[in-house]
Amino acid sequence: MSPSPVSSPSSDAARIRKTTLFCQDCGHASPVDGDWRVRTVGGRQRVRCPECRSVVDERQLPEQEHPDVDGPAPVQRYVGALSRYWSAWTTLFDDPRADC
């Protein structure tokens, strides 16, 4: 049995696939900069589906670098932790299906 040749997708199909986000729950598809609901709290960015509100992507944003300081100041760390806690807490009430 000979291996079947692998066909590469057309450039248009590849471009669409690489610049489109898909919701795994409802199947909604839109460009990365499309109608997704993006919220940034405490250095984390969460992208939700506009139709079913499922989390499509969540990632830690890089901290801004301060050359004269070794990491964020204690007050900034405290505020960031409080913001993350508050965001997780309110998400529970906003969407009962949400996973913090």
C-alpha atoms as a PDB file:
ATOM      1  CA  MET A   1       0.000   0.000   0.000  1.00  0.00           C
ATOM      2  CA  SER A   2       1.507   3.320  -1.005  1.00  0.00           C
ATOM      3  CA  PRO A   3       1.053   6.414   1.139  1.00  0.00           C
ATOM      4  CA  SER A   4      -1.470   8.883  -0.164  1.00  0.00           C
ATOM      5  CA  PRO A   5      -0.068  12.275  -1.062  1.00  0.00           C
ATOM      6  CA  VAL A   6      -0.761  14.997   1.441  1.00  0.00           C
ATOM      7  CA  SER A   7      -2.546  17.876  -0.170  1.00  0.00           C
ATOM      8  CA  SER A   8      -1.936  21.346   1.130  1.00  0.00           C
ATOM      9  CA  PRO A   9      -4.914  23.642   1.510  1.00  0.00           C
ATOM     10  CA  SER A  10      -5.283  26.553  -0.835  1.00  0.00           C
ATOM     11  CA  SER A  11      -3.848  29.822   0.395  1.00  0.00           C
ATOM     12  CA  ASP A  12      -7.344  31.286   0.915  1.00  0.00           C
ATOM     13  CA  ALA A  13      -8.470  28.307   2.980  1.00  0.00           C
ATOM     14  CA  ALA A  14      -5.275  28.423   5.054  1.00  0.00           C
ATOM     15  CA  ARG A  15      -5.638  32.161   5.628  1.00  0.00           C
ATOM     16  CA  ILE A  16      -9.270  31.757   6.765  1.00  0.00           C
ATOM     17  CA  ARG A  17      -8.384  28.907   9.096  1.00  0.00           C
ATOM     18  CA  LYS A  18      -5.472  30.796  10.670  1.00  0.00           C
ATOM     19  CA  THR A  19      -7.342  34.057  11.271  1.00  0.00           C
ATOM     20  CA  THR A  20     -10.628  32.600  12.512  1.00  0.00           C
ATOM     21  CA  LEU A  21     -11.617  31.588  16.026  1.00  0.00           C
ATOM     22  CA  PHE A  22     -14.191  28.856  16.523  1.00  0.00           C
ATOM     23  CA  CYS A  23     -16.359  28.273  19.573  1.00  0.00           C
ATOM     24  CA  GLN A  24     -16.207  24.596  20.526  1.00  0.00           C
ATOM     25  CA  ASP A  25     -19.588  24.742  22.258  1.00  0.00           C
ATOM     26  CA  CYS A  26     -21.902  26.386  19.708  1.00  0.00           C
ATOM     27  CA  GLY A  27     -19.802  26.440  16.516  1.00  0.00           C
ATOM     28  CA  HIS A  28     -19.740  30.245  16.171  1.00  0.00           C
ATOM     29  CA  ALA A  29     -16.884  31.366  13.906  1.00  0.00           C
ATOM     30  CA  SER A  30     -15.501  34.850  13.495  1.00  0.00           C
ATOM     31  CA  PRO A  31     -12.163  36.509  12.686  1.00  0.00           C
ATOM     32  CA  VAL A  32      -9.799  36.981  15.606  1.00  0.00           C
ATOM     33  CA  ASP A  33     -10.618  40.698  15.648  1.00  0.00           C
ATOM     34  CA  GLY A  34     -14.321  40.034  15.068  1.00  0.00           C
ATOM     35  CA  ASP A  35     -17.268  40.083  17.452  1.00  0.00           C
ATOM     36  CA  TRP A  36     -15.650  38.166  20.337  1.00  0.00           C
ATOM     37  CA  ARG A  37     -16.066  39.593  23.849  1.00  0.00           C
ATOM     38  CA  VAL A  38     -12.611  40.341  25.210  1.00  0.00           C
ATOM     39  CA  ARG A  39     -12.056  41.194  28.870  1.00  0.00           C
ATOM     40  CA  THR A  40      -8.726  41.862  30.542  1.00  0.00           C
ATOM     41  CA  VAL A  41      -8.536  41.692  34.329  1.00  0.00           C
ATOM     42  CA  GLY A  42      -5.473  41.372  36.498  1.00  0.00           C
ATOM     43  CA  GLY A  43      -3.079  40.653  33.653  1.00  0.00           C
ATOM     44  CA  ARG A  44      -5.237  37.891  32.116  1.00  0.00           C
ATOM     45  CA  GLN A  45      -7.152  38.215  28.874  1.00  0.00           C
ATOM     46  CA  ARG A  46     -10.297  36.131  28.382  1.00  0.00           C
ATOM     47  CA  VAL A  47     -12.103  35.813  25.030  1.00  0.00           C
ATOM     48  CA  ARG A  48     -15.753  34.714  25.149  1.00  0.00           C
ATOM     49  CA  CYS A  49     -18.185  33.690  22.433  1.00  0.00           C
ATOM     50  CA  PRO A  50     -20.795  36.408  21.774  1.00  0.00           C
ATOM     51  CA  GLU A  51     -23.527  33.806  21.273  1.00  0.00           C
ATOM     52  CA  CYS A  52     -23.118  31.279  24.109  1.00  0.00           C
ATOM     53  CA  ARG A  53     -20.568  33.165  26.307  1.00  0.00           C
ATOM     54  CA  SER A  54     -18.230  30.161  26.479  1.00  0.00           C
ATOM     55  CA  VAL A  55     -14.548  30.914  27.051  1.00  0.00           C
ATOM     56  CA  VAL A  56     -12.788  30.472  23.709  1.00  0.00           C
ATOM     57  CA  ASP A  57      -9.319  31.603  24.793  1.00  0.00           C
ATOM     58  CA  GLU A  58      -7.680  32.729  28.013  1.00  0.00           C
ATOM     59  CA  ARG A  59      -4.078  33.691  28.493  1.00  0.00           C
ATOM     60  CA  GLN A  60      -1.712  35.503  30.821  1.00  0.00           C
ATOM     61  CA  LEU A  61      -0.573  38.811  29.383  1.00  0.00           C
ATOM     62  CA  PRO A  62       3.126  39.609  29.673  1.00  0.00           C
ATOM     63  CA  GLU A  63       3.879  41.995  32.529  1.00  0.00           C
ATOM     64  CA  GLN A  64       5.311  45.336  31.592  1.00  0.00           C
ATOM     65  CA  GLU A  65       8.961  45.441  32.406  1.00  0.00           C
ATOM     66  CA  HIS A  66      10.432  48.026  34.736  1.00  0.00           C
ATOM     67  CA  PRO A  67      14.228  48.173  34.370  1.00  0.00           C
ATOM     68  CA  ASP A  68      14.768  49.735  37.793  1.00  0.00           C
ATOM     69  CA  VAL A  69      12.402  47.462  39.738  1.00  0.00           C
ATOM     70  CA  ASP A  70      12.565  43.701  40.291  1.00  0.00           C
ATOM     71  CA  GLY A  71       8.977  42.844  39.430  1.00  0.00           C
ATOM     72  CA  PRO A  72       5.760  44.658  40.301  1.00  0.00           C
ATOM     73  CA  ALA A  73       5.507  46.599  43.537  1.00  0.00           C
ATOM     74  CA  PRO A  74       3.749  44.883  46.456  1.00  0.00           C
ATOM     75  CA  VAL A  75       0.710  47.142  46.097  1.00  0.00           C
ATOM     76  CA  GLN A  76       0.440  46.308  42.391  1.00  0.00           C
ATOM     77  CA  ARG A  77       0.640  42.578  43.173  1.00  0.00           C
ATOM     78  CA  TYR A  78      -2.076  42.951  45.806  1.00  0.00           C
ATOM     79  CA  VAL A  79      -4.357  44.901  43.460  1.00  0.00           C
ATOM     80  CA  GLY A  80      -3.749  42.351  40.689  1.00  0.00           C
ATOM     81  CA  ALA A  81      -4.591  39.442  42.999  1.00  0.00           C
ATOM     82  CA  LEU A  82      -7.713  41.218  44.226  1.00  0.00           C
ATOM     83  CA  SER A  83      -8.771  41.950  40.627  1.00  0.00           C
ATOM     84  CA  ARG A  84      -8.334  38.300  39.626  1.00  0.00           C
ATOM     85  CA  TYR A  85     -10.302  37.152  42.669  1.00  0.00           C
ATOM     86  CA  TRP A  86     -13.113  39.639  42.001  1.00  0.00           C
ATOM     87  CA  SER A  87     -13.261  38.673  38.325  1.00  0.00           C
ATOM     88  CA  ALA A  88     -13.514  34.973  39.172  1.00  0.00           C
ATOM     89  CA  TRP A  89     -16.167  35.647  41.822  1.00  0.00           C
ATOM     90  CA  THR A  90     -18.351  37.805  39.555  1.00  0.00           C
ATOM     91  CA  THR A  91     -17.988  35.337  36.692  1.00  0.00           C
ATOM     92  CA  LEU A  92     -19.699  32.721  38.841  1.00  0.00           C
ATOM     93  CA  PHE A  93     -22.756  34.957  39.068  1.00  0.00           C
ATOM     94  CA  ASP A  94     -22.641  36.136  35.450  1.00  0.00           C
ATOM     95  CA  ASP A  95     -22.533  32.671  33.917  1.00  0.00           C
ATOM     96  CA  PRO A  96     -23.327  29.539  35.929  1.00  0.00           C
ATOM     97  CA  ARG A  97     -21.493  27.414  33.311  1.00  0.00           C
ATOM     98  CA  ALA A  98     -18.280  29.454  33.631  1.00  0.00           C
ATOM     99  CA  ASP A  99     -15.125  27.862  34.893  1.00  0.00           C
ATOM    100  CA  CYS A 100     -12.891  30.293  36.682  1.00  0.00           C
END
